[in-house]
Amino acid sequence: MKIKALKALVGDYGRLNKGEEIDLPKHIASQLLASGYVELVIEPEQTVRRKGKKNG
């Protein structure tokens, strides 16, 4: 899960400064989210274009 630190943190994942983003395992990120120390980063979905055969 990608999260963004709302304040400086230090833990098993290392040191995070306020505003820093990092990908963490879900179980760690969930604990930090529940404590209010971080927020979830949601990235916009990328558009996938595929070429297909035309039937006709």
PDB file of N, CA and C in Angstrom:
ATOM      1  N   MET A   1       0.847  -1.176   0.000  1.00  0.00           N
ATOM      2  CA  MET A   1       0.000   0.000   0.000  1.00  0.00           C
ATOM      3  C   MET A   1       0.891   1.237   0.000  1.00  0.00           C
ATOM      4  N   LYS A   2       0.512   2.195  -0.805  1.00  0.00           N
ATOM      5  CA  LYS A   2       1.277   3.436  -0.837  1.00  0.00           C
ATOM      6  C   LYS A   2       0.649   4.420   0.145  1.00  0.00           C
ATOM      7  N   ILE A   3       1.492   4.946   1.027  1.00  0.00           N
ATOM      8  CA  ILE A   3       1.019   5.882   2.044  1.00  0.00           C
ATOM      9  C   ILE A   3       1.868   7.152   2.028  1.00  0.00           C
ATOM     10  N   LYS A   4       1.323   8.193   2.660  1.00  0.00           N
ATOM     11  CA  LYS A   4       2.028   9.474   2.796  1.00  0.00           C
ATOM     12  C   LYS A   4       2.050   9.842   4.271  1.00  0.00           C
ATOM     13  N   ALA A   5       3.240  10.131   4.784  1.00  0.00           N
ATOM     14  CA  ALA A   5       3.398  10.464   6.200  1.00  0.00           C
ATOM     15  C   ALA A   5       2.819  11.838   6.508  1.00  0.00           C
ATOM     16  N   LEU A   6       1.995  11.919   7.561  1.00  0.00           N
ATOM     17  CA  LEU A   6       1.435  13.193   8.002  1.00  0.00           C
ATOM     18  C   LEU A   6       2.318  13.859   9.049  1.00  0.00           C
ATOM     19  N   LYS A   7       3.298  13.110   9.570  1.00  0.00           N
ATOM     20  CA  LYS A   7       4.291  13.628  10.508  1.00  0.00           C
ATOM     21  C   LYS A   7       5.515  12.736  10.412  1.00  0.00           C
ATOM     22  N   ALA A   8       6.622  13.133  10.981  1.00  0.00           N
ATOM     23  CA  ALA A   8       7.838  12.323  10.946  1.00  0.00           C
ATOM     24  C   ALA A   8       7.635  11.048  11.758  1.00  0.00           C
ATOM     25  N   LEU A   9       8.064   9.922  11.199  1.00  0.00           N
ATOM     26  CA  LEU A   9       7.893   8.622  11.849  1.00  0.00           C
ATOM     27  C   LEU A   9       9.175   7.810  11.763  1.00  0.00           C
ATOM     28  N   VAL A  10       9.378   6.938  12.735  1.00  0.00           N
ATOM     29  CA  VAL A  10      10.490   6.002  12.708  1.00  0.00           C
ATOM     30  C   VAL A  10       9.956   4.650  13.144  1.00  0.00           C
ATOM     31  N   GLY A  11      10.275   3.609  12.380  1.00  0.00           N
ATOM     32  CA  GLY A  11       9.807   2.268  12.722  1.00  0.00           C
ATOM     33  C   GLY A  11      10.605   1.216  11.981  1.00  0.00           C
ATOM     34  N   ASP A  12      10.074   0.002  11.940  1.00  0.00           N
ATOM     35  CA  ASP A  12      10.736  -1.104  11.249  1.00  0.00           C
ATOM     36  C   ASP A  12      10.941  -0.814   9.767  1.00  0.00           C
ATOM     37  N   TYR A  13      10.154   0.078   9.223  1.00  0.00           N
ATOM     38  CA  TYR A  13      10.208   0.460   7.812  1.00  0.00           C
ATOM     39  C   TYR A  13      11.265   1.523   7.548  1.00  0.00           C
ATOM     40  N   GLY A  14      11.879   2.050   8.591  1.00  0.00           N
ATOM     41  CA  GLY A  14      12.879   3.102   8.455  1.00  0.00           C
ATOM     42  C   GLY A  14      12.340   4.436   8.940  1.00  0.00           C
ATOM     43  N   ARG A  15      12.905   5.518   8.441  1.00  0.00           N
ATOM     44  CA  ARG A  15      12.476   6.858   8.838  1.00  0.00           C
ATOM     45  C   ARG A  15      11.678   7.482   7.701  1.00  0.00           C
ATOM     46  N   LEU A  16      10.554   8.085   8.056  1.00  0.00           N
ATOM     47  CA  LEU A  16       9.728   8.820   7.103  1.00  0.00           C
ATOM     48  C   LEU A  16       9.608  10.256   7.581  1.00  0.00           C
ATOM     49  N   ASN A  17       9.828  11.179   6.695  1.00  0.00           N
ATOM     50  CA  ASN A  17       9.627  12.589   7.010  1.00  0.00           C
ATOM     51  C   ASN A  17       8.222  12.991   6.598  1.00  0.00           C
ATOM     52  N   LYS A  18       7.713  14.043   7.192  1.00  0.00           N
ATOM     53  CA  LYS A  18       6.376  14.541   6.868  1.00  0.00           C
ATOM     54  C   LYS A  18       6.278  14.798   5.369  1.00  0.00           C
ATOM     55  N   GLY A  19       5.210  14.276   4.744  1.00  0.00           N
ATOM     56  CA  GLY A  19       4.984  14.462   3.319  1.00  0.00           C
ATOM     57  C   GLY A  19       5.615  13.414   2.432  1.00  0.00           C
ATOM     58  N   GLU A  20       6.465  12.573   2.989  1.00  0.00           N
ATOM     59  CA  GLU A  20       7.135  11.536   2.216  1.00  0.00           C
ATOM     60  C   GLU A  20       6.178  10.389   1.902  1.00  0.00           C
ATOM     61  N   GLU A  21       6.305   9.819   0.708  1.00  0.00           N
ATOM     62  CA  GLU A  21       5.472   8.697   0.301  1.00  0.00           C
ATOM     63  C   GLU A  21       6.320   7.435   0.202  1.00  0.00           C
ATOM     64  N   ILE A  22       5.685   6.297   0.562  1.00  0.00           N
ATOM     65  CA  ILE A  22       6.399   5.024   0.536  1.00  0.00           C
ATOM     66  C   ILE A  22       5.385   3.895   0.347  1.00  0.00           C
ATOM     67  N   ASP A  23       5.845   2.809  -0.269  1.00  0.00           N
ATOM     68  CA  ASP A  23       5.037   1.598  -0.375  1.00  0.00           C
ATOM     69  C   ASP A  23       5.414   0.684   0.782  1.00  0.00           C
ATOM     70  N   LEU A  24       4.427   0.259   1.547  1.00  0.00           N
ATOM     71  CA  LEU A  24       4.652  -0.640   2.678  1.00  0.00           C
ATOM     72  C   LEU A  24       3.733  -1.844   2.568  1.00  0.00           C
ATOM     73  N   PRO A  25       4.120  -2.961   3.207  1.00  0.00           N
ATOM     74  CA  PRO A  25       3.208  -4.103   3.260  1.00  0.00           C
ATOM     75  C   PRO A  25       1.886  -3.691   3.897  1.00  0.00           C
ATOM     76  N   LYS A  26       0.808  -4.319   3.454  1.00  0.00           N
ATOM     77  CA  LYS A  26      -0.531  -3.941   3.885  1.00  0.00           C
ATOM     78  C   LYS A  26      -0.694  -3.956   5.405  1.00  0.00           C
ATOM     79  N   HIS A  27      -0.117  -4.964   6.100  1.00  0.00           N
ATOM     80  CA  HIS A  27      -0.309  -5.060   7.552  1.00  0.00           C
ATOM     81  C   HIS A  27       0.346  -3.894   8.304  1.00  0.00           C
ATOM     82  N   ILE A  28       1.456  -3.398   7.800  1.00  0.00           N
ATOM     83  CA  ILE A  28       2.118  -2.257   8.442  1.00  0.00           C
ATOM     84  C   ILE A  28       1.374  -0.967   8.100  1.00  0.00           C
ATOM     85  N   ALA A  29       1.053  -0.786   6.827  1.00  0.00           N
ATOM     86  CA  ALA A  29       0.354   0.415   6.398  1.00  0.00           C
ATOM     87  C   ALA A  29      -0.994   0.547   7.094  1.00  0.00           C
ATOM     88  N   SER A  30      -1.692  -0.563   7.263  1.00  0.00           N
ATOM     89  CA  SER A  30      -3.005  -0.539   7.923  1.00  0.00           C
ATOM     90  C   SER A  30      -2.899  -0.046   9.361  1.00  0.00           C
ATOM     91  N   GLN A  31      -1.861  -0.481  10.077  1.00  0.00           N
ATOM     92  CA  GLN A  31      -1.656  -0.043  11.458  1.00  0.00           C
ATOM     93  C   GLN A  31      -1.389   1.461  11.519  1.00  0.00           C
ATOM     94  N   LEU A  32      -0.565   1.957  10.601  1.00  0.00           N
ATOM     95  CA  LEU A  32      -0.253   3.389  10.576  1.00  0.00           C
ATOM     96  C   LEU A  32      -1.475   4.214  10.179  1.00  0.00           C
ATOM     97  N   LEU A  33      -2.275   3.700   9.238  1.00  0.00           N
ATOM     98  CA  LEU A  33      -3.502   4.388   8.847  1.00  0.00           C
ATOM     99  C   LEU A  33      -4.471   4.472  10.023  1.00  0.00           C
ATOM    100  N   ALA A  34      -4.607   3.375  10.756  1.00  0.00           N
ATOM    101  CA  ALA A  34      -5.523   3.334  11.899  1.00  0.00           C
ATOM    102  C   ALA A  34      -5.097   4.317  12.992  1.00  0.00           C
ATOM    103  N   SER A  35      -3.795   4.535  13.115  1.00  0.00           N
ATOM    104  CA  SER A  35      -3.298   5.449  14.144  1.00  0.00           C
ATOM    105  C   SER A  35      -3.417   6.914  13.725  1.00  0.00           C
ATOM    106  N   GLY A  36      -3.652   7.159  12.422  1.00  0.00           N
ATOM    107  CA  GLY A  36      -3.786   8.532  11.942  1.00  0.00           C
ATOM    108  C   GLY A  36      -2.468   9.204  11.618  1.00  0.00           C
ATOM    109  N   TYR A  37      -1.389   8.440  11.574  1.00  0.00           N
ATOM    110  CA  TYR A  37      -0.073   9.009  11.294  1.00  0.00           C
ATOM    111  C   TYR A  37       0.199   9.177   9.806  1.00  0.00           C
ATOM    112  N   VAL A  38      -0.577   8.487   8.976  1.00  0.00           N
ATOM    113  CA  VAL A  38      -0.372   8.525   7.532  1.00  0.00           C
ATOM    114  C   VAL A  38      -1.722   8.599   6.822  1.00  0.00           C
ATOM    115  N   GLU A  39      -1.671   8.897   5.524  1.00  0.00           N
ATOM    116  CA  GLU A  39      -2.875   8.830   4.705  1.00  0.00           C
ATOM    117  C   GLU A  39      -2.582   7.953   3.498  1.00  0.00           C
ATOM    118  N   LEU A  40      -3.604   7.337   2.965  1.00  0.00           N
ATOM    119  CA  LEU A  40      -3.477   6.459   1.813  1.00  0.00           C
ATOM    120  C   LEU A  40      -3.305   7.295   0.556  1.00  0.00           C
ATOM    121  N   VAL A  41      -2.372   6.887  -0.286  1.00  0.00           N
ATOM    122  CA  VAL A  41      -2.153   7.566  -1.562  1.00  0.00           C
ATOM    123  C   VAL A  41      -2.839   6.741  -2.636  1.00  0.00           C
ATOM    124  N   ILE A  42      -3.777   7.372  -3.322  1.00  0.00           N
ATOM    125  CA  ILE A  42      -4.482   6.694  -4.399  1.00  0.00           C
ATOM    126  C   ILE A  42      -4.011   7.301  -5.709  1.00  0.00           C
ATOM    127  N   GLU A  43      -3.415   6.464  -6.536  1.00  0.00           N
ATOM    128  CA  GLU A  43      -2.900   6.927  -7.810  1.00  0.00           C
ATOM    129  C   GLU A  43      -3.976   6.758  -8.878  1.00  0.00           C
ATOM    130  N   PRO A  44      -4.060   7.697  -9.805  1.00  0.00           N
ATOM    131  CA  PRO A  44      -5.060   7.570 -10.864  1.00  0.00           C
ATOM    132  C   PRO A  44      -4.773   6.338 -11.730  1.00  0.00           C
ATOM    133  N   GLU A  45      -5.848   5.695 -12.172  1.00  0.00           N
ATOM    134  CA  GLU A  45      -5.679   4.518 -13.019  1.00  0.00           C
ATOM    135  C   GLU A  45      -5.189   4.952 -14.391  1.00  0.00           C
ATOM    136  N   GLN A  46      -4.320   4.139 -14.942  1.00  0.00           N
ATOM    137  CA  GLN A  46      -3.811   4.435 -16.267  1.00  0.00           C
ATOM    138  C   GLN A  46      -4.750   3.840 -17.311  1.00  0.00           C
ATOM    139  N   THR A  47      -4.940   4.572 -18.379  1.00  0.00           N
ATOM    140  CA  THR A  47      -5.791   4.087 -19.460  1.00  0.00           C
ATOM    141  C   THR A  47      -5.004   3.104 -20.309  1.00  0.00           C
ATOM    142  N   VAL A  48      -5.607   1.964 -20.543  1.00  0.00           N
ATOM    143  CA  VAL A  48      -4.966   0.937 -21.359  1.00  0.00           C
ATOM    144  C   VAL A  48      -5.703   0.879 -22.694  1.00  0.00           C
ATOM    145  N   ARG A  49      -4.957   1.042 -23.756  1.00  0.00           N
ATOM    146  CA  ARG A  49      -5.550   0.967 -25.091  1.00  0.00           C
ATOM    147  C   ARG A  49      -5.078  -0.319 -25.761  1.00  0.00           C
ATOM    148  N   ARG A  50      -6.014  -1.014 -26.346  1.00  0.00           N
ATOM    149  CA  ARG A  50      -5.676  -2.262 -27.029  1.00  0.00           C
ATOM    150  C   ARG A  50      -6.144  -2.194 -28.471  1.00  0.00           C
ATOM    151  N   LYS A  51      -5.343  -2.737 -29.329  1.00  0.00           N
ATOM    152  CA  LYS A  51      -5.740  -2.842 -30.732  1.00  0.00           C
ATOM    153  C   LYS A  51      -6.396  -4.197 -30.912  1.00  0.00           C
ATOM    154  N   GLY A  52      -7.534  -4.180 -31.548  1.00  0.00           N
ATOM    155  CA  GLY A  52      -8.234  -5.434 -31.779  1.00  0.00           C
ATOM    156  C   GLY A  52      -8.603  -5.571 -33.241  1.00  0.00           C
ATOM    157  N   LYS A  53      -8.981  -6.778 -33.586  1.00  0.00           N
ATOM    158  CA  LYS A  53      -9.402  -7.038 -34.957  1.00  0.00           C
ATOM    159  C   LYS A  53     -10.844  -6.583 -35.133  1.00  0.00           C
ATOM    160  N   LYS A  54     -11.107  -6.013 -36.282  1.00  0.00           N
ATOM    161  CA  LYS A  54     -12.485  -5.619 -36.595  1.00  0.00           C
ATOM    162  C   LYS A  54     -13.203  -6.806 -37.215  1.00  0.00           C
ATOM    163  N   ASN A  55     -14.377  -7.072 -36.718  1.00  0.00           N
ATOM    164  CA  ASN A  55     -15.179  -8.141 -37.307  1.00  0.00           C
ATOM    165  C   ASN A  55     -15.983  -7.557 -38.449  1.00  0.00           C
ATOM    166  N   GLY A  56     -16.036  -8.240 -39.554  1.00  0.00           N
ATOM    167  CA  GLY A  56     -16.871  -7.657 -40.566  1.00  0.00           C
ATOM    168  C   GLY A  56     -16.690  -8.231 -41.852  1.00  0.00           C
TER     169      GLY A  56
END
